Structure formats: C-alpha cells, structure tokens
C-alpha cells in the first residue's frame, strides 16, 4: 500500500491518507497518484476487502 493506513474498531473501518503526498503520475499520465492500496486487499482479521485509489488531475 502507498500512503494508506487502515484500522478496524468493532465494525468501523477507518482509512487514513495524507493528502500532501504524491507518488508521481498514473500510467496514463492524466492524474497524480496520492494513495493506493495497489489492488484489492483483505481487511485485517475480517472477510471484507477494500480497493482504494486517491488521485488528482494534473
């Protein structure tokens, strides 16, 4: 994962992303990647999965 922190308390999933970070352009070059789970990941100690991408236009 890039710039993504997840935490579970009870049945609440919290996602933390630092919006000041950048990881360069996307493969198309149209956006700047800020955070990504880099595909779907399983939430720790759960059956659910999450896939997250945070980006902005260039």
N, C-alpha and C. Protein backbone atom coordinates (compact mmCIF):
# COMPACT_ATOMS: atom_id res chain seq x y z
N UNK A 1 0.84 -1.18 0.00
CA UNK A 1 0.00 0.00 0.00
C UNK A 1 0.89 1.25 0.00
N UNK A 2 0.39 2.26 -0.64
CA UNK A 2 1.09 3.55 -0.68
C UNK A 2 0.24 4.60 0.02
N UNK A 3 0.76 5.13 1.16
CA UNK A 3 0.13 6.24 1.83
C UNK A 3 -1.29 5.93 2.30
N UNK A 4 -1.56 4.70 2.68
CA UNK A 4 -2.88 4.31 3.18
C UNK A 4 -2.70 3.58 4.50
N UNK A 5 -3.40 4.04 5.51
CA UNK A 5 -3.45 3.33 6.79
C UNK A 5 -4.89 2.96 7.05
N UNK A 6 -5.13 1.70 7.43
CA UNK A 6 -6.48 1.28 7.75
C UNK A 6 -6.50 0.73 9.17
N UNK A 7 -7.62 0.92 9.84
CA UNK A 7 -7.79 0.42 11.19
C UNK A 7 -9.25 0.01 11.36
N UNK A 8 -9.47 -1.05 12.13
CA UNK A 8 -10.81 -1.52 12.42
C UNK A 8 -11.02 -1.48 13.92
N UNK A 9 -12.09 -0.83 14.32
CA UNK A 9 -12.50 -0.83 15.72
C UNK A 9 -13.95 -1.28 15.76
N UNK A 10 -14.18 -2.48 16.28
CA UNK A 10 -15.53 -3.04 16.24
C UNK A 10 -15.91 -3.29 14.79
N UNK A 11 -16.97 -2.65 14.35
CA UNK A 11 -17.42 -2.79 12.97
C UNK A 11 -17.18 -1.53 12.14
N UNK A 12 -16.27 -0.67 12.61
CA UNK A 12 -15.97 0.58 11.91
C UNK A 12 -14.58 0.51 11.30
N UNK A 13 -14.52 0.73 9.98
CA UNK A 13 -13.25 0.79 9.26
C UNK A 13 -12.86 2.25 9.09
N UNK A 14 -11.64 2.59 9.50
CA UNK A 14 -11.13 3.94 9.34
C UNK A 14 -9.96 3.91 8.37
N UNK A 15 -9.99 4.83 7.40
CA UNK A 15 -8.95 4.92 6.38
C UNK A 15 -8.27 6.27 6.53
N UNK A 16 -6.94 6.26 6.60
CA UNK A 16 -6.15 7.50 6.74
C UNK A 16 -5.25 7.67 5.52
N UNK A 17 -5.31 8.85 4.89
CA UNK A 17 -4.49 9.18 3.73
C UNK A 17 -3.94 10.59 3.93
N UNK A 18 -2.64 10.75 3.75
CA UNK A 18 -2.01 12.07 3.82
C UNK A 18 -2.14 12.71 2.43
N UNK A 19 -3.00 13.72 2.31
CA UNK A 19 -3.27 14.33 1.01
C UNK A 19 -2.15 15.22 0.51
N UNK A 20 -1.10 15.40 1.31
CA UNK A 20 0.03 16.23 0.86
C UNK A 20 1.07 15.40 0.10
N UNK A 21 0.98 14.08 0.14
CA UNK A 21 1.97 13.23 -0.53
C UNK A 21 1.58 12.97 -1.97
N UNK A 22 2.59 12.71 -2.79
CA UNK A 22 2.38 12.36 -4.20
C UNK A 22 3.32 11.23 -4.57
N UNK A 23 2.86 10.35 -5.46
CA UNK A 23 3.68 9.24 -5.92
C UNK A 23 3.87 9.25 -7.42
N UNK A 24 3.76 10.43 -8.02
CA UNK A 24 4.01 10.56 -9.45
C UNK A 24 2.77 10.35 -10.28
N UNK A 25 2.95 10.40 -11.59
CA UNK A 25 1.81 10.29 -12.50
C UNK A 25 1.29 8.85 -12.60
N UNK A 26 0.01 8.75 -12.94
CA UNK A 26 -0.58 7.44 -13.23
C UNK A 26 0.00 6.90 -14.53
N UNK A 27 -0.34 5.69 -14.86
CA UNK A 27 0.21 5.11 -16.10
C UNK A 27 -0.27 5.86 -17.34
N UNK A 28 -1.46 6.45 -17.29
CA UNK A 28 -1.94 7.23 -18.44
C UNK A 28 -1.32 8.61 -18.48
N UNK A 29 -0.82 9.08 -17.32
CA UNK A 29 -0.21 10.40 -17.25
C UNK A 29 -1.21 11.52 -17.04
N UNK A 30 -2.49 11.19 -16.90
CA UNK A 30 -3.52 12.22 -16.75
C UNK A 30 -3.73 12.66 -15.30
N UNK A 31 -3.30 11.83 -14.36
CA UNK A 31 -3.51 12.13 -12.95
C UNK A 31 -2.24 11.91 -12.14
N UNK A 32 -2.22 12.48 -10.94
CA UNK A 32 -1.13 12.29 -9.98
C UNK A 32 -1.65 11.37 -8.88
N UNK A 33 -0.93 10.31 -8.61
CA UNK A 33 -1.34 9.35 -7.58
C UNK A 33 -0.98 9.91 -6.20
N UNK A 34 -1.95 9.90 -5.30
CA UNK A 34 -1.74 10.36 -3.93
C UNK A 34 -1.69 9.17 -2.97
N UNK A 35 -2.53 8.17 -3.21
CA UNK A 35 -2.55 6.98 -2.35
C UNK A 35 -3.19 5.83 -3.10
N UNK A 36 -2.81 4.61 -2.73
CA UNK A 36 -3.39 3.43 -3.36
C UNK A 36 -3.16 2.19 -2.51
N UNK A 37 -4.16 1.32 -2.52
CA UNK A 37 -3.96 0.01 -1.92
C UNK A 37 -3.28 -0.92 -2.91
N UNK A 38 -3.09 -0.46 -4.13
CA UNK A 38 -2.45 -1.23 -5.21
C UNK A 38 -3.18 -2.54 -5.46
N UNK A 39 -4.47 -2.42 -5.66
CA UNK A 39 -5.32 -3.59 -5.86
C UNK A 39 -6.20 -3.80 -4.64
N UNK A 40 -6.94 -4.89 -4.67
CA UNK A 40 -7.83 -5.20 -3.55
C UNK A 40 -7.06 -5.93 -2.46
N UNK A 41 -7.28 -5.54 -1.22
CA UNK A 41 -6.62 -6.19 -0.09
C UNK A 41 -7.69 -6.61 0.92
N UNK A 42 -7.38 -7.65 1.67
CA UNK A 42 -8.28 -8.10 2.72
C UNK A 42 -8.07 -7.24 3.96
N UNK A 43 -9.16 -6.81 4.56
CA UNK A 43 -9.08 -6.04 5.80
C UNK A 43 -8.61 -6.99 6.89
N UNK A 44 -7.60 -6.59 7.68
CA UNK A 44 -7.03 -7.49 8.69
C UNK A 44 -8.10 -8.09 9.63
N UNK A 45 -8.01 -9.40 9.82
CA UNK A 45 -8.90 -10.15 10.71
C UNK A 45 -10.37 -10.08 10.32
N UNK A 46 -10.64 -9.83 9.03
CA UNK A 46 -12.02 -9.75 8.52
C UNK A 46 -12.10 -10.50 7.20
N UNK A 47 -13.31 -10.66 6.69
CA UNK A 47 -13.53 -11.28 5.38
C UNK A 47 -13.69 -10.26 4.27
N UNK A 48 -13.92 -9.00 4.64
CA UNK A 48 -14.14 -7.95 3.65
C UNK A 48 -12.83 -7.55 2.98
N UNK A 49 -12.98 -7.00 1.79
CA UNK A 49 -11.83 -6.49 1.04
C UNK A 49 -12.05 -5.03 0.72
N UNK A 50 -10.95 -4.33 0.44
CA UNK A 50 -11.02 -2.93 0.05
C UNK A 50 -10.04 -2.67 -1.09
N UNK A 51 -10.45 -1.82 -2.01
CA UNK A 51 -9.59 -1.34 -3.08
C UNK A 51 -9.73 0.16 -3.13
N UNK A 52 -8.62 0.89 -3.02
CA UNK A 52 -8.69 2.34 -2.90
C UNK A 52 -7.64 2.99 -3.79
N UNK A 53 -8.06 4.03 -4.50
CA UNK A 53 -7.14 4.89 -5.25
C UNK A 53 -7.54 6.33 -4.97
N UNK A 54 -6.57 7.15 -4.59
CA UNK A 54 -6.79 8.57 -4.39
C UNK A 54 -5.85 9.28 -5.37
N UNK A 55 -6.42 10.19 -6.18
CA UNK A 55 -5.62 10.87 -7.19
C UNK A 55 -6.21 12.23 -7.46
N UNK A 56 -5.45 13.07 -8.16
CA UNK A 56 -5.93 14.36 -8.60
C UNK A 56 -5.51 14.59 -10.04
N UNK A 57 -6.25 15.45 -10.72
CA UNK A 57 -5.90 15.78 -12.10
C UNK A 57 -4.59 16.54 -12.12
N UNK A 58 -3.83 16.33 -13.19
CA UNK A 58 -2.56 17.04 -13.38
C UNK A 58 -2.78 18.51 -13.60
